[in-house]
Protein backbone atom coordinates (compact mmCIF):
# COMPACT_ATOMS: atom_id res chain seq x y z
CA MET A 1 1.89 195.82 137.35
CA GLY A 2 3.97 195.83 134.16
CA LYS A 3 6.86 198.37 134.30
CA VAL A 4 5.06 201.75 131.74
CA THR A 5 6.76 202.41 128.65
CA LYS A 6 6.71 205.12 126.65
CA ALA A 7 4.69 204.17 124.05
CA ASP A 8 1.58 203.52 127.04
CA ARG A 9 2.06 206.92 128.42
CA GLU A 10 1.54 208.34 124.67
CA LYS A 11 -1.38 206.23 124.50
CA MET A 12 -2.67 207.28 127.13
CA VAL A 13 -2.52 211.24 126.75
CA VAL A 14 -4.13 210.83 123.27
CA LYS A 15 -6.98 208.69 125.39
CA ASP A 16 -7.18 211.43 127.90
CA ALA A 17 -6.83 214.63 124.61
CA GLU A 18 -9.60 212.70 122.93
CA ALA A 19 -11.82 212.43 126.44
CA THR A 20 -11.38 216.37 126.43
CA ALA A 21 -12.19 216.92 123.08
CA PRO A 22 -13.90 220.13 122.14
CA ASP A 23 -16.44 218.01 121.26
CA SER A 24 -16.82 216.55 124.49
CA PRO A 25 -19.84 217.61 126.79
CA SER A 26 -16.85 217.69 129.41
CA PHE A 27 -15.17 220.32 127.85
CA ASN A 28 -17.37 223.31 128.36
CA ASP A 29 -17.84 227.04 128.48
CA GLU A 30 -16.76 227.12 131.73
CA VAL A 31 -13.53 225.08 131.19
CA LEU A 32 -12.73 227.76 127.88
CA THR A 33 -13.42 230.47 129.77
CA PHE A 34 -11.29 229.39 132.97
CA PHE A 35 -8.64 228.51 129.61
CA ARG A 36 -8.53 231.56 128.56
CA LYS A 37 -7.84 233.32 131.72
CA GLU A 38 -4.92 231.39 132.49
CA LEU A 39 -3.41 231.26 129.06
CA ASP A 40 -3.93 235.08 128.62
CA ILE A 41 -0.12 236.23 129.41
CA ASP A 42 1.37 239.98 128.29
CA ILE A 43 3.51 238.13 125.02
CA ILE A 44 6.02 241.51 124.54
CA ALA A 45 6.71 241.34 128.01
CA GLU A 46 7.11 237.63 128.51
CA TYR A 47 9.51 237.80 125.41
CA ARG A 48 11.51 240.15 126.06
CA ARG A 49 11.71 238.76 130.06
CA LEU A 50 12.82 234.93 128.30
CA LYS A 51 14.84 235.83 125.27
CA ARG A 52 17.79 235.73 127.49
CA VAL A 53 18.29 232.18 127.98
CA GLY A 54 19.13 232.11 131.91
CA LYS A 55 23.00 232.12 132.39
CA ILE A 56 24.39 230.57 135.45
CA PRO A 57 27.80 231.46 137.05
CA ALA A 58 30.47 228.67 136.57
CA ASP A 59 30.77 228.39 140.14
CA LYS A 60 26.98 227.76 140.61
CA LEU A 61 27.52 224.36 138.07
CA THR A 62 29.00 221.91 141.30
CA ASP A 63 26.28 223.45 143.51
CA ARG A 64 23.65 220.85 143.42
CA MET A 65 20.85 223.14 145.51
CA GLU A 66 21.61 226.29 143.39
CA LEU A 67 20.76 223.71 139.92
CA ILE A 68 17.97 222.36 141.65
CA GLY A 69 16.73 226.10 141.71
CA PHE A 70 17.73 227.02 137.97
CA LEU A 71 16.33 223.56 136.57
CA ASN A 72 13.64 224.71 138.40
CA THR A 73 13.17 228.37 137.34
CA ALA A 74 14.05 226.72 133.92
CA ALA A 75 10.76 224.23 133.86
CA GLU A 76 8.90 227.10 134.63
CA GLU A 77 10.09 229.23 131.92
CA VAL A 78 9.58 226.53 129.56
CA ARG A 79 5.92 226.74 129.83
CA ALA A 80 6.21 230.78 129.33
CA THR A 81 7.95 229.90 126.19
CA ASN A 82 4.97 227.12 124.91
CA LEU A 83 2.34 229.67 125.82
CA ILE A 84 3.75 232.61 123.49
CA TYR A 85 5.07 230.12 120.78
CA LEU A 86 0.87 228.55 120.87
CA LYS A 87 -0.17 232.26 120.96
CA ALA A 88 2.14 232.99 117.69
CA ARG A 89 0.92 230.31 115.68
CA THR A 90 -2.63 231.14 116.38
CA VAL A 91 -1.78 234.45 115.37
CA ARG A 92 -0.66 232.90 111.91
CA GLU A 93 -3.23 230.77 111.45
CA HIS A 94 -5.85 233.39 111.53
CA PHE A 95 -3.59 235.01 109.25
CA ARG A 96 -3.81 232.31 106.55
CA ILE A 97 -7.44 232.71 106.05
CA ASP A 98 -7.46 236.57 105.84
CA PHE A 99 -4.68 235.74 103.09
CA ASP A 100 -6.64 233.46 101.33
CA ARG A 101 -9.33 235.99 101.32
CA THR A 102 -7.15 238.67 100.33
CA MET A 103 -5.65 236.64 97.45
CA ARG A 104 -9.22 235.79 96.47
CA ASP A 105 -9.96 239.40 95.94
CA LEU A 106 -6.46 240.21 94.41
CA ASN A 107 -7.25 237.29 91.67
CA ARG A 108 -10.88 238.32 90.73
CA ARG A 109 -9.71 242.26 90.42
CA ALA A 110 -6.98 240.95 88.20
CA THR A 111 -8.98 239.02 86.60
CA GLU A 112 -11.68 242.07 85.49
CA LYS A 113 -8.69 243.82 84.17
CA VAL A 114 -7.15 240.93 81.92
CA SER A 115 -10.85 240.68 80.53
CA ALA A 116 -11.72 244.26 80.13
CA TRP A 117 -8.10 244.42 78.29
CA LEU A 118 -8.49 241.19 75.84
CA GLU A 119 -12.56 242.92 75.43
CA THR A 120 -10.88 246.29 74.53
CA SER A 121 -7.94 244.14 72.21
CA GLY A 122 -10.19 242.66 70.65
CA THR A 123 -8.90 239.18 71.27
CA LYS A 124 -10.36 236.09 71.60
CA LYS A 125 -8.28 234.58 74.14
CA GLN A 126 -8.97 232.39 77.26
CA ILE A 127 -7.93 233.49 80.52
CA THR A 128 -5.45 231.84 82.16
CA ILE A 129 -3.71 231.57 86.01
CA ASP A 130 -0.59 233.16 84.89
CA MET A 131 -1.88 235.92 82.47
CA VAL A 132 -3.69 236.59 86.24
CA LYS A 133 -0.14 236.34 87.84
CA GLN A 134 1.32 238.98 85.37
CA GLU A 135 -1.30 241.15 85.80
CA ILE A 136 -0.95 241.26 89.94
CA ALA A 137 2.76 241.44 89.22
CA SER A 138 2.37 244.45 86.68
CA ASP A 139 -0.43 246.28 88.26
CA PRO A 140 0.87 249.20 90.65
CA GLU A 141 -2.04 248.72 92.72
CA LEU A 142 -2.57 245.01 92.60
CA SER A 143 1.21 244.37 93.14
CA GLN A 144 1.46 247.06 95.98
CA GLU A 145 -1.05 245.02 98.01
CA TYR A 146 0.38 241.51 97.10
CA THR A 147 3.69 242.75 98.47
CA ALA A 148 1.97 243.62 101.93
CA LEU A 149 0.26 240.65 101.96
CA VAL A 150 3.29 238.11 101.43
CA SER A 151 5.86 240.62 103.67
CA ARG A 152 2.97 240.19 106.35
CA GLN A 153 2.70 236.28 105.91
CA GLU A 154 6.81 235.82 106.02
CA GLU A 155 6.89 238.48 108.79
CA LEU A 156 4.42 236.01 110.71
CA ARG A 157 5.75 233.15 110.03
CA THR A 158 9.54 234.29 111.00
CA ILE A 159 7.69 236.00 114.65
CA ARG A 160 6.25 232.22 115.12
CA ASP A 161 9.43 230.37 113.82
CA ASP A 162 11.28 232.53 116.54
CA CYS A 163 8.89 231.84 119.32
CA ALA A 164 9.74 228.02 118.42
CA LEU A 165 12.82 228.42 118.63
CA LEU A 166 12.68 230.19 122.11
CA LEU A 167 10.53 227.32 123.28
CA LYS A 168 13.40 224.46 121.71
CA GLU A 169 16.50 226.75 124.01
CA TRP A 170 14.46 226.74 126.83
CA ALA A 171 13.45 222.97 127.04
CA ASP A 172 16.97 222.23 126.10
CA ARG A 173 18.48 224.29 128.91
CA LYS A 174 15.97 222.20 131.32
CA TRP A 175 17.69 219.24 129.87
CA THR A 176 21.25 220.14 130.24
CA LEU A 177 20.26 221.68 133.87
CA ARG A 178 18.74 218.27 134.71
CA ALA A 179 22.07 216.60 133.13
CA GLN A 180 24.10 218.75 135.28
CA ALA A 181 22.43 218.34 138.52
CA ASP A 182 22.33 214.44 137.98
CA LEU A 183 26.10 214.60 137.20
CA VAL A 184 27.06 216.51 140.48
CA LYS A 185 24.48 214.15 142.70
CA ALA A 186 26.86 210.52 141.31
CA GLU A 187 30.03 212.74 142.15
CA ARG A 188 28.84 213.28 145.86
CA GLU A 189 27.51 209.81 146.52
CA VAL A 190 29.04 208.43 149.48
CA LYS A 191 29.73 204.44 148.71
CA LEU A 192 29.07 203.02 152.24
CA PRO A 193 31.14 199.09 152.47
CA SER A 194 29.08 196.68 151.81
CA ARG A 195 29.13 193.60 154.39
CA GLU A 196 31.71 191.36 152.21
CA GLU A 197 34.22 194.52 152.01
CA SER A 198 34.07 195.26 156.24
């Protein structure tokens, strides 16, 4: 059997994912219940714990056993930060539904106000998107609701992006530790003389 390439591994992962897709009979409610429990974490406590990407004392950087311990910890923390990121992303995706629903309501109310204004002024004009946007911006009540909605959207985007950055920092830490452990191992390898050198 030939060497398995990265592309082959990616194809296998995709095939496995398709086999356990939510529509698949093997991905039943029992499995979903299991994963809901497994992925249920205290986001605030975990984030506070993980936001300080592990600092390693300089004297430990040449101790391979210490590095392996730090590497194992980093691997666990990468998983924990991934869960935080996934939860933050899910919350933002759910908010997008609320955002669309609220915007539809704001547009409807702004359209009604523009329509009422056109009727009272006796103007015969077609209501345009720009007129609706101007009404949302100028009406104190609609403007306040819109500003709060956009602020919430940006806040959730920032949280999601921050969690993605935290995940990247822990993944980078894991990679750096592995590289350092390999360096220490290479430095300490004892070269045995070959038969020709003896």
